[in-house]
Amino acid sequence: MNYFLAIGTWQLILILAVLFLGILPTIIALVDILKSEFKGNNKIVWVLVVLFFNFFGAILYLLIGREQKIKIEKS
């Protein structure tokens, strides 16, 4: 018997929630990178890190990369 396809409603909801929570930091990091200014090629490097390492790359950017942004003073 093939029990793999016998997934219930609650199991499907749990799987989708875990997938969404895994993708959410990546999306947040990419949006923040694309809206910000960086020195040199740091923007391209951070985009590649986040895309290639997905969840861990996003967490790494959120911990380290945000400090590398160019601060623009609004007057």
Protein backbone atom coordinates (compact mmCIF):
# COMPACT_ATOMS: atom_id res chain seq x y z
CA MET A 1 0.00 0.00 0.00
CA ASN A 2 1.07 3.57 -0.67
CA TYR A 3 0.54 5.49 2.57
CA PHE A 4 2.51 8.54 1.40
CA LEU A 5 -0.52 10.09 -0.30
CA ALA A 6 -2.76 9.47 2.70
CA ILE A 7 -2.13 12.89 4.25
CA GLY A 8 -4.89 14.36 6.35
CA THR A 9 -6.06 17.95 6.45
CA TRP A 10 -4.17 18.87 9.62
CA GLN A 11 -0.95 17.31 8.35
CA LEU A 12 -1.24 19.30 5.13
CA ILE A 13 -1.86 22.54 7.06
CA LEU A 14 1.18 21.81 9.27
CA ILE A 15 3.40 21.10 6.25
CA LEU A 16 2.33 24.32 4.52
CA ALA A 17 2.85 26.36 7.70
CA VAL A 18 6.39 24.99 8.16
CA LEU A 19 7.20 25.68 4.50
CA PHE A 20 5.84 29.24 4.77
CA LEU A 21 7.81 29.94 7.95
CA GLY A 22 10.95 28.62 6.25
CA ILE A 23 10.51 30.85 3.20
CA LEU A 24 9.42 34.00 5.06
CA PRO A 25 12.89 35.09 6.32
CA THR A 26 14.29 34.67 2.80
CA ILE A 27 11.61 36.92 1.32
CA ILE A 28 12.08 39.54 4.06
CA ALA A 29 15.86 39.54 3.57
CA LEU A 30 15.61 39.84 -0.24
CA VAL A 31 13.18 42.75 -0.03
CA ASP A 32 15.41 44.53 2.50
CA ILE A 33 18.51 43.97 0.34
CA LEU A 34 16.86 45.23 -2.83
CA LYS A 35 15.52 48.38 -1.14
CA SER A 36 18.86 49.29 0.49
CA GLU A 37 22.14 50.76 -0.71
CA PHE A 38 25.47 49.03 -0.09
CA LYS A 39 29.11 49.82 -0.76
CA GLY A 40 30.67 48.21 -3.84
CA ASN A 41 29.33 44.80 -4.78
CA ASN A 42 27.96 43.95 -1.34
CA LYS A 43 24.37 44.03 -2.62
CA ILE A 44 25.07 41.35 -5.24
CA VAL A 45 26.99 39.26 -2.73
CA TRP A 46 24.17 39.35 -0.19
CA VAL A 47 21.54 38.50 -2.81
CA LEU A 48 23.60 35.46 -3.85
CA VAL A 49 24.17 34.38 -0.24
CA VAL A 50 20.45 34.59 0.54
CA LEU A 51 19.44 32.78 -2.66
CA PHE A 52 21.99 29.97 -2.39
CA PHE A 53 21.74 29.35 1.35
CA ASN A 54 18.01 30.16 1.68
CA PHE A 55 16.99 30.12 5.35
CA PHE A 56 20.53 30.22 6.77
CA GLY A 57 21.61 32.91 4.32
CA ALA A 58 18.63 35.05 5.29
CA ILE A 59 19.38 34.67 9.00
CA LEU A 60 23.04 35.48 8.31
CA TYR A 61 22.03 38.63 6.42
CA LEU A 62 19.61 39.72 9.14
CA LEU A 63 22.32 39.30 11.79
CA ILE A 64 25.37 40.63 9.90
CA GLY A 65 24.39 42.24 6.60
CA ARG A 66 22.05 44.91 7.90
CA GLU A 67 25.01 46.61 9.57
CA GLN A 68 26.73 46.98 6.18
CA LYS A 69 24.00 49.15 4.66
CA ILE A 70 24.75 52.76 3.81
CA LYS A 71 22.83 54.97 6.20
CA ILE A 72 21.00 57.76 4.37
CA GLU A 73 20.01 60.72 6.51
CA LYS A 74 16.60 62.17 5.69
CA SER A 75 16.20 65.87 6.24
